[in-house]
Protein backbone atom coordinates (compact mmCIF):
# COMPACT_ATOMS: atom_id res chain seq x y z
CA MET A 1 8.80 39.57 -20.43
CA ASN A 2 11.58 41.40 -21.46
CA ALA A 3 15.03 39.10 -21.62
CA PRO A 4 17.46 41.32 -23.71
CA TYR A 5 20.40 38.59 -23.17
CA ILE A 6 18.46 35.66 -25.24
CA GLY A 7 20.70 35.15 -28.55
CA GLN A 8 23.63 37.17 -27.27
CA SER A 9 26.67 36.82 -26.90
CA ILE A 10 27.50 37.56 -23.47
CA LYS A 11 30.94 38.62 -22.00
CA ARG A 12 32.34 36.43 -19.17
CA LYS A 13 34.01 38.64 -16.40
CA GLU A 14 35.55 36.18 -14.25
CA ASP A 15 37.40 34.72 -17.06
CA GLN A 16 40.30 36.34 -16.39
CA ARG A 17 41.19 35.89 -12.73
CA PHE A 18 40.59 32.29 -13.35
CA LEU A 19 42.43 31.35 -16.10
CA THR A 20 46.02 33.68 -14.42
CA GLY A 21 45.41 31.68 -11.16
CA GLY A 22 43.96 34.72 -9.44
CA GLY A 23 40.39 33.15 -8.65
CA THR A 24 39.64 31.49 -5.51
CA TYR A 25 37.61 28.34 -5.07
CA THR A 26 36.24 26.47 -2.03
CA ASP A 27 39.58 23.85 -2.27
CA ASP A 28 41.33 27.15 -1.81
CA VAL A 29 39.95 28.23 1.59
CA SER A 30 42.08 27.50 4.49
CA ALA A 31 40.67 28.75 7.97
CA VAL A 32 41.97 28.69 11.38
CA ASN A 33 40.25 25.40 13.00
CA GLN A 34 38.66 24.51 9.99
CA THR A 35 37.36 21.37 9.24
CA HIS A 36 36.23 19.09 6.21
CA ALA A 37 33.09 16.96 5.45
CA TYR A 38 33.03 13.54 3.34
CA PHE A 39 29.60 11.65 2.82
CA LEU A 40 29.50 8.00 2.47
CA ARG A 41 27.21 7.17 -0.37
CA SER A 42 25.33 4.26 -1.20
CA PRO A 43 26.39 1.50 -3.37
CA HIS A 44 22.80 0.67 -4.80
CA ALA A 45 20.00 1.93 -6.95
CA HIS A 46 17.66 0.86 -4.11
CA ALA A 47 18.19 -0.97 -0.88
CA ASN A 48 16.68 -0.86 3.41
CA ILE A 49 19.34 0.22 5.40
CA ARG A 50 19.66 -2.28 7.95
CA SER A 51 22.34 -1.07 10.38
CA ILE A 52 24.98 1.46 10.12
CA ARG A 53 28.31 0.67 12.65
CA LEU A 54 29.91 3.39 13.46
CA ASP A 55 32.78 2.22 16.22
CA GLN A 56 35.83 2.22 14.37
CA ALA A 57 35.08 5.56 12.19
CA ARG A 58 34.38 7.11 15.61
CA ALA A 59 37.89 6.26 16.94
CA ALA A 60 39.67 6.49 13.65
CA PRO A 61 42.46 9.95 13.88
CA GLY A 62 41.06 13.04 13.32
CA VAL A 63 37.59 12.60 13.49
CA VAL A 64 35.43 15.30 15.36
CA GLY A 65 31.75 13.72 14.63
CA ILE A 66 29.91 11.55 12.11
CA PHE A 67 26.26 11.95 11.53
CA THR A 68 23.32 9.93 9.69
CA GLY A 69 20.00 10.07 8.87
CA ALA A 70 18.93 9.05 12.57
CA ASP A 71 21.10 11.86 14.19
CA LEU A 72 19.15 14.35 11.67
CA ALA A 73 15.74 12.69 12.49
CA ALA A 74 16.42 13.01 16.10
CA ALA A 75 17.74 16.46 15.76
CA LYS A 76 14.15 16.97 14.15
CA VAL A 77 15.92 18.37 11.00
CA GLY A 78 13.55 19.21 8.31
CA THR A 79 14.29 17.70 4.70
CA LEU A 80 14.90 19.44 1.32
CA PRO A 81 12.11 20.94 -0.48
CA CYS A 82 10.58 20.78 -4.04
CA GLY A 83 11.80 24.63 -5.17
CA TRP A 84 8.73 24.46 -7.86
CA LEU A 85 5.70 22.88 -6.33
CA ILE A 86 3.19 21.54 -9.42
CA THR A 87 -0.61 21.21 -9.63
CA ASP A 88 -1.34 18.32 -11.98
CA VAL A 89 -3.63 17.72 -14.55
CA ASN A 90 -6.53 16.97 -12.19
CA GLY A 91 -6.05 19.56 -10.17
CA GLN A 92 -4.34 17.88 -7.24
CA PRO A 93 -0.78 18.88 -5.47
CA MET A 94 2.17 16.88 -6.62
CA LYS A 95 3.43 14.05 -4.88
CA GLU A 96 6.32 15.48 -2.42
CA PRO A 97 7.85 12.86 -0.56
CA PRO A 98 10.22 13.43 2.31
CA HIS A 99 14.02 14.36 1.06
CA PRO A 100 15.94 14.01 3.95
CA CYS A 101 19.76 15.14 3.52
CA LEU A 102 20.82 11.63 4.60
CA ALA A 103 18.95 8.74 4.43
CA GLN A 104 16.70 7.59 6.46
CA GLY A 105 15.84 3.83 6.59
CA LYS A 106 16.08 3.50 3.14
CA VAL A 107 18.74 4.49 -0.17
CA ARG A 108 16.91 5.67 -3.71
CA HIS A 109 19.78 6.01 -5.96
CA VAL A 110 23.52 4.97 -6.18
CA GLY A 111 25.30 7.63 -4.36
CA ASP A 112 22.35 8.44 -1.76
CA GLN A 113 23.78 10.41 1.29
CA VAL A 114 24.00 7.74 4.08
CA ALA A 115 26.60 9.19 6.49
CA VAL A 116 28.90 12.54 7.05
CA VAL A 117 32.31 12.33 8.55
CA ILE A 118 34.03 15.51 9.57
CA ALA A 119 37.26 15.44 10.74
CA GLU A 120 40.46 17.44 10.70
CA THR A 121 41.44 16.76 7.53
CA LEU A 122 39.79 15.63 4.18
CA ASN A 123 41.81 12.41 3.75
CA GLN A 124 41.09 11.64 7.19
CA ALA A 125 37.54 11.90 6.74
CA LYS A 126 37.75 9.63 3.73
CA ASP A 127 39.57 7.16 6.23
CA ALA A 128 37.06 6.92 8.54
CA ALA A 129 34.46 6.52 5.66
CA ALA A 130 35.54 3.65 4.60
CA LEU A 131 35.66 1.97 8.10
CA ILE A 132 31.72 2.82 8.61
CA GLU A 133 29.79 -0.76 8.17
CA VAL A 134 26.27 -0.26 6.16
CA ASP A 135 24.56 -3.14 6.39
CA TYR A 136 22.25 -3.21 2.89
CA ASP A 137 19.01 -4.99 2.43
CA VAL A 138 19.20 -4.76 -1.53
CA LEU A 139 15.36 -4.36 -3.28
CA PRO A 140 15.21 -4.51 -6.97
CA ALA A 141 15.47 -1.17 -8.94
CA VAL A 142 14.01 0.32 -12.33
CA VAL A 143 17.00 2.18 -14.42
CA ASN A 144 14.59 3.17 -17.05
CA ALA A 145 12.11 5.96 -16.38
CA ALA A 146 9.53 4.86 -18.89
CA ASP A 147 9.48 1.53 -16.69
CA ALA A 148 8.74 3.12 -13.52
CA ARG A 149 5.48 3.57 -14.11
CA LYS A 150 4.71 -0.11 -15.75
CA PRO A 151 2.47 -2.40 -12.96
CA GLY A 152 4.72 -4.19 -11.20
CA ALA A 153 7.91 -1.53 -10.73
CA ALA A 154 9.88 -1.47 -7.81
CA VAL A 155 8.17 1.47 -5.79
CA LEU A 156 10.55 4.17 -4.41
CA HIS A 157 8.74 6.10 -2.06
CA ASP A 158 5.71 5.45 0.58
CA GLY A 159 2.32 7.40 -1.31
CA VAL A 160 3.79 7.26 -4.43
CA PRO A 161 2.55 3.90 -5.96
CA ASP A 162 3.42 4.48 -9.34
CA ASN A 163 6.27 6.39 -8.94
CA THR A 164 4.47 9.23 -10.43
CA SER A 165 4.98 12.81 -8.58
CA TYR A 166 2.74 14.37 -11.01
CA VAL A 167 1.41 14.47 -15.18
CA TRP A 168 1.28 17.68 -16.07
CA ALA A 169 -0.16 19.63 -19.45
CA LEU A 170 0.53 23.12 -20.67
CA GLY A 171 -1.59 24.55 -23.93
CA ALA A 172 -5.01 24.15 -25.58
CA LYS A 173 -5.98 20.37 -25.63
CA ASP A 174 -9.03 20.52 -27.63
CA ALA A 175 -6.98 22.40 -30.42
CA VAL A 176 -3.94 20.03 -29.98
CA ASP A 177 -5.99 17.25 -30.41
CA LYS A 178 -7.52 18.70 -33.20
CA ALA A 179 -4.37 18.98 -34.66
CA PHE A 180 -3.46 15.59 -34.61
CA ALA A 181 -6.63 14.48 -35.56
CA THR A 182 -6.13 16.46 -38.77
CA ALA A 183 -2.77 15.62 -39.73
CA LYS A 184 -1.42 13.86 -42.63
CA HIS A 185 1.44 12.52 -40.88
CA VAL A 186 2.07 12.24 -36.86
CA ASP A 187 5.94 11.47 -35.97
CA ARG A 188 6.63 10.38 -32.61
CA LYS A 189 9.74 10.58 -30.99
CA SER A 190 11.11 9.42 -27.43
CA THR A 191 13.25 11.94 -25.69
CA ARG A 192 15.58 11.07 -22.69
CA LEU A 193 15.97 14.51 -20.68
CA ASN A 194 18.15 15.06 -17.80
CA SER A 195 19.52 11.03 -18.21
CA SER A 196 16.09 10.40 -15.74
CA HIS A 197 13.17 11.26 -17.50
CA THR A 198 11.80 10.14 -20.21
CA ASP A 199 8.97 12.28 -22.72
CA ILE A 200 7.15 10.66 -25.18
CA SER A 201 6.52 13.12 -27.48
CA ARG A 202 4.15 13.85 -31.16
CA MET A 203 4.80 16.05 -34.08
CA PRO A 204 1.61 17.05 -36.21
CA SER A 205 2.74 17.68 -39.97
CA SER A 206 0.61 18.84 -42.82
CA ALA A 207 3.14 17.46 -45.67
């Protein structure tokens, strides 16, 4: 693989206009008849959505429309796919539960998108979102990825009973097992990745 930029200092081309006020950000865009979207997000890590009341929000000033997961489902809007499908160590496809753009029946993390308000201004959209009434049935949650696979842990997705999408391995297993078996010392380290995954790694040493 030809990767000439790895290890090289790359000169950025965009800094001049951004640092001197000549850049254009999305907040700078102002088009004719432009509307603004604001997402209402879940305050709970895990909960069923009993009901969503939109009456007051829809009547708020400047509101053009409000949509929920039920609206997307009725319009047959698909879910967000995984960009890289994995086959696990047993040759089985990864478990890929649906990932709707707006929560449908259940929220699965703090900040999960429950509704989107479209209004003439951003402040109007925010004000209307504050009027949306969501009745949540709060469920048990797991905040440590290592605990999510333990028996009895709260299950986020139907069809994924152990909260594991796939188990993946790379390399020559026999050679790795031999390296550990013949090593004088084995170091163990727990590494947290992206604040949401835990990887348990071992490192053989001949010292």
